[in-house]
Amino acid sequence: DGQASTRTTPQGQITVRSTGPYSVAVTPSSNSYRLANVADRVSYQLNFLGQSPSNASPTFATRTCSRAGVVGGVTLPISATLQQGGLGHLPGAYSDTVTVTITPLVSTAVGTPCP
């Protein structure tokens, strides 16, 4: 495809502690899963809770998770993979913001274990 084959996958984690079920939602910025600088954009794919939203398919279905516990909780791994190499893109600082919202639920629903 004429692009450099080097793609990075930065990784992180979100630790959740809860006494009951909770929901997890992801909202992309207006860049819609593209890292941006002043004059350029590079697409990436988010990998979180078994879903992989990207610029081509930006939908993340809200998940209802079971109780995480308060001692230790549960760790939710999150990563992003560049969808394009660096050839043809301008050097510089690129950024994007993705909002992960964890909401406690007042419910008797059990949810599913996350991750």
C-alpha atoms as a PDB file:
ATOM      1  CA  ASP A   1       0.000   0.000   0.000  1.00  0.00           C
ATOM      2  CA  GLY A   2       3.037   2.294  -0.202  1.00  0.00           C
ATOM      3  CA  GLN A   3       3.045   2.860   3.564  1.00  0.00           C
ATOM      4  CA  ALA A   4       5.824   2.025   6.002  1.00  0.00           C
ATOM      5  CA  SER A   5       5.100  -1.265   7.744  1.00  0.00           C
ATOM      6  CA  THR A   6       5.919   0.078  11.210  1.00  0.00           C
ATOM      7  CA  ARG A   7       2.792   0.420  13.331  1.00  0.00           C
ATOM      8  CA  THR A   8       2.838   1.008  17.051  1.00  0.00           C
ATOM      9  CA  THR A   9       0.450  -0.338  19.669  1.00  0.00           C
ATOM     10  CA  PRO A  10       0.508   1.803  22.816  1.00  0.00           C
ATOM     11  CA  GLN A  11      -1.113   0.002  25.738  1.00  0.00           C
ATOM     12  CA  GLY A  12      -2.676   1.073  29.002  1.00  0.00           C
ATOM     13  CA  GLN A  13      -5.204  -0.063  31.538  1.00  0.00           C
ATOM     14  CA  ILE A  14      -8.176   1.175  33.493  1.00  0.00           C
ATOM     15  CA  THR A  15      -8.740  -0.233  36.979  1.00  0.00           C
ATOM     16  CA  VAL A  16     -12.345  -0.441  38.166  1.00  0.00           C
ATOM     17  CA  ARG A  17     -13.486  -1.077  41.730  1.00  0.00           C
ATOM     18  CA  SER A  18     -17.218  -1.487  42.347  1.00  0.00           C
ATOM     19  CA  THR A  19     -19.681  -3.108  44.707  1.00  0.00           C
ATOM     20  CA  GLY A  20     -22.212  -3.671  41.934  1.00  0.00           C
ATOM     21  CA  PRO A  21     -22.563  -3.833  38.165  1.00  0.00           C
ATOM     22  CA  TYR A  22     -21.382  -0.939  36.007  1.00  0.00           C
ATOM     23  CA  SER A  23     -21.568   0.151  32.386  1.00  0.00           C
ATOM     24  CA  VAL A  24     -18.658   1.100  30.145  1.00  0.00           C
ATOM     25  CA  ALA A  25     -19.092   3.482  27.206  1.00  0.00           C
ATOM     26  CA  VAL A  26     -16.526   4.902  24.775  1.00  0.00           C
ATOM     27  CA  THR A  27     -16.917   8.201  22.955  1.00  0.00           C
ATOM     28  CA  PRO A  28     -14.418   9.251  20.287  1.00  0.00           C
ATOM     29  CA  SER A  29     -13.440  12.871  19.773  1.00  0.00           C
ATOM     30  CA  SER A  30     -14.450  14.802  16.678  1.00  0.00           C
ATOM     31  CA  ASN A  31     -11.362  13.266  15.018  1.00  0.00           C
ATOM     32  CA  SER A  32     -13.240   9.933  15.051  1.00  0.00           C
ATOM     33  CA  TYR A  33     -10.308   7.576  15.765  1.00  0.00           C
ATOM     34  CA  ARG A  34      -7.719   9.595  13.873  1.00  0.00           C
ATOM     35  CA  LEU A  35      -4.603  11.085  15.430  1.00  0.00           C
ATOM     36  CA  ALA A  36      -4.336  14.661  14.221  1.00  0.00           C
ATOM     37  CA  ASN A  37      -1.930  17.536  14.067  1.00  0.00           C
ATOM     38  CA  VAL A  38      -2.415  20.903  12.369  1.00  0.00           C
ATOM     39  CA  ALA A  39      -2.203  19.572   8.802  1.00  0.00           C
ATOM     40  CA  ASP A  40      -2.479  15.769   8.859  1.00  0.00           C
ATOM     41  CA  ARG A  41      -4.422  12.805  10.278  1.00  0.00           C
ATOM     42  CA  VAL A  42      -3.474   9.156  10.869  1.00  0.00           C
ATOM     43  CA  SER A  43      -6.196   6.541  11.459  1.00  0.00           C
ATOM     44  CA  TYR A  44      -5.999   4.088  14.362  1.00  0.00           C
ATOM     45  CA  GLN A  45      -8.050   1.262  15.848  1.00  0.00           C
ATOM     46  CA  LEU A  46      -8.935   1.135  19.543  1.00  0.00           C
ATOM     47  CA  ASN A  47      -8.918  -2.297  21.235  1.00  0.00           C
ATOM     48  CA  PHE A  48     -11.059  -2.387  24.373  1.00  0.00           C
ATOM     49  CA  LEU A  49     -13.383  -4.954  25.963  1.00  0.00           C
ATOM     50  CA  GLY A  50     -13.359  -7.192  22.901  1.00  0.00           C
ATOM     51  CA  GLN A  51     -14.345  -4.388  20.548  1.00  0.00           C
ATOM     52  CA  SER A  52     -12.214  -2.614  17.953  1.00  0.00           C
ATOM     53  CA  PRO A  53     -13.769   0.682  16.863  1.00  0.00           C
ATOM     54  CA  SER A  54     -11.898   2.643  14.191  1.00  0.00           C
ATOM     55  CA  ASN A  55     -12.486   5.530  11.809  1.00  0.00           C
ATOM     56  CA  ALA A  56     -14.020   3.090   9.312  1.00  0.00           C
ATOM     57  CA  SER A  57     -16.293   1.520  11.966  1.00  0.00           C
ATOM     58  CA  PRO A  58     -16.583   3.939  14.916  1.00  0.00           C
ATOM     59  CA  THR A  59     -19.363   2.246  16.920  1.00  0.00           C
ATOM     60  CA  PHE A  60     -18.583   0.980  20.432  1.00  0.00           C
ATOM     61  CA  ALA A  61     -21.497  -0.896  22.018  1.00  0.00           C
ATOM     62  CA  THR A  62     -21.899   0.020  25.695  1.00  0.00           C
ATOM     63  CA  ARG A  63     -21.044  -2.965  27.903  1.00  0.00           C
ATOM     64  CA  THR A  64     -22.723  -3.885  31.190  1.00  0.00           C
ATOM     65  CA  CYS A  65     -20.145  -5.471  33.464  1.00  0.00           C
ATOM     66  CA  SER A  66     -20.584  -7.475  36.643  1.00  0.00           C
ATOM     67  CA  ARG A  67     -19.321  -6.361  40.044  1.00  0.00           C
ATOM     68  CA  ALA A  68     -15.575  -5.714  40.012  1.00  0.00           C
ATOM     69  CA  GLY A  69     -15.034  -5.892  43.769  1.00  0.00           C
ATOM     70  CA  VAL A  70     -13.403  -3.258  45.947  1.00  0.00           C
ATOM     71  CA  VAL A  71     -10.199  -5.072  46.890  1.00  0.00           C
ATOM     72  CA  GLY A  72      -8.061  -5.198  43.783  1.00  0.00           C
ATOM     73  CA  GLY A  73     -10.982  -4.573  41.447  1.00  0.00           C
ATOM     74  CA  VAL A  74     -10.614  -5.525  37.811  1.00  0.00           C
ATOM     75  CA  THR A  75      -8.146  -4.245  35.224  1.00  0.00           C
ATOM     76  CA  LEU A  76      -9.474  -3.403  31.779  1.00  0.00           C
ATOM     77  CA  PRO A  77      -6.655  -3.381  29.200  1.00  0.00           C
ATOM     78  CA  ILE A  78      -6.881  -0.787  26.430  1.00  0.00           C
ATOM     79  CA  SER A  79      -4.667  -0.291  23.390  1.00  0.00           C
ATOM     80  CA  ALA A  80      -4.568   1.471  20.050  1.00  0.00           C
ATOM     81  CA  THR A  81      -3.011   0.288  16.795  1.00  0.00           C
ATOM     82  CA  LEU A  82      -2.072   2.624  13.968  1.00  0.00           C
ATOM     83  CA  GLN A  83      -3.878   1.706  10.752  1.00  0.00           C
ATOM     84  CA  GLN A  84      -1.354   3.460   8.524  1.00  0.00           C
ATOM     85  CA  GLY A  85       2.405   3.604   8.405  1.00  0.00           C
ATOM     86  CA  GLY A  86       4.355   6.843   8.499  1.00  0.00           C
ATOM     87  CA  LEU A  87       5.179   7.302   4.821  1.00  0.00           C
ATOM     88  CA  GLY A  88       3.372  10.266   3.338  1.00  0.00           C
ATOM     89  CA  HIS A  89       2.556  11.772   6.737  1.00  0.00           C
ATOM     90  CA  LEU A  90       4.092  14.887   8.222  1.00  0.00           C
ATOM     91  CA  PRO A  91       6.447  14.483  11.205  1.00  0.00           C
ATOM     92  CA  GLY A  92       5.297  16.061  14.439  1.00  0.00           C
ATOM     93  CA  ALA A  93       3.075  15.610  17.452  1.00  0.00           C
ATOM     94  CA  TYR A  94      -0.263  13.910  16.785  1.00  0.00           C
ATOM     95  CA  SER A  95      -3.039  13.516  19.356  1.00  0.00           C
ATOM     96  CA  ASP A  96      -6.621  12.458  19.894  1.00  0.00           C
ATOM     97  CA  THR A  97      -8.919  12.155  22.890  1.00  0.00           C
ATOM     98  CA  VAL A  98     -11.154   9.170  23.582  1.00  0.00           C
ATOM     99  CA  THR A  99     -13.501   9.356  26.571  1.00  0.00           C
ATOM    100  CA  VAL A 100     -14.175   6.157  28.540  1.00  0.00           C
ATOM    101  CA  THR A 101     -17.155   6.523  30.872  1.00  0.00           C
ATOM    102  CA  ILE A 102     -17.627   4.058  33.748  1.00  0.00           C
ATOM    103  CA  THR A 103     -21.085   4.364  35.324  1.00  0.00           C
ATOM    104  CA  PRO A 104     -22.226   2.482  38.444  1.00  0.00           C
ATOM    105  CA  LEU A 105     -25.617   0.840  37.933  1.00  0.00           C
ATOM    106  CA  VAL A 106     -28.358   0.638  40.518  1.00  0.00           C
ATOM    107  CA  SER A 107     -29.656  -2.673  39.330  1.00  0.00           C
ATOM    108  CA  THR A 108     -30.045  -6.289  40.233  1.00  0.00           C
ATOM    109  CA  ALA A 109     -28.738  -7.174  36.762  1.00  0.00           C
ATOM    110  CA  VAL A 110     -25.568  -9.181  37.043  1.00  0.00           C
ATOM    111  CA  GLY A 111     -23.849  -8.122  33.818  1.00  0.00           C
ATOM    112  CA  THR A 112     -20.978 -10.061  32.297  1.00  0.00           C
ATOM    113  CA  PRO A 113     -17.446 -10.305  33.653  1.00  0.00           C
ATOM    114  CA  CYS A 114     -15.199  -7.642  32.131  1.00  0.00           C
ATOM    115  CA  PRO A 115     -12.738  -8.193  30.588  1.00  0.00           C
END
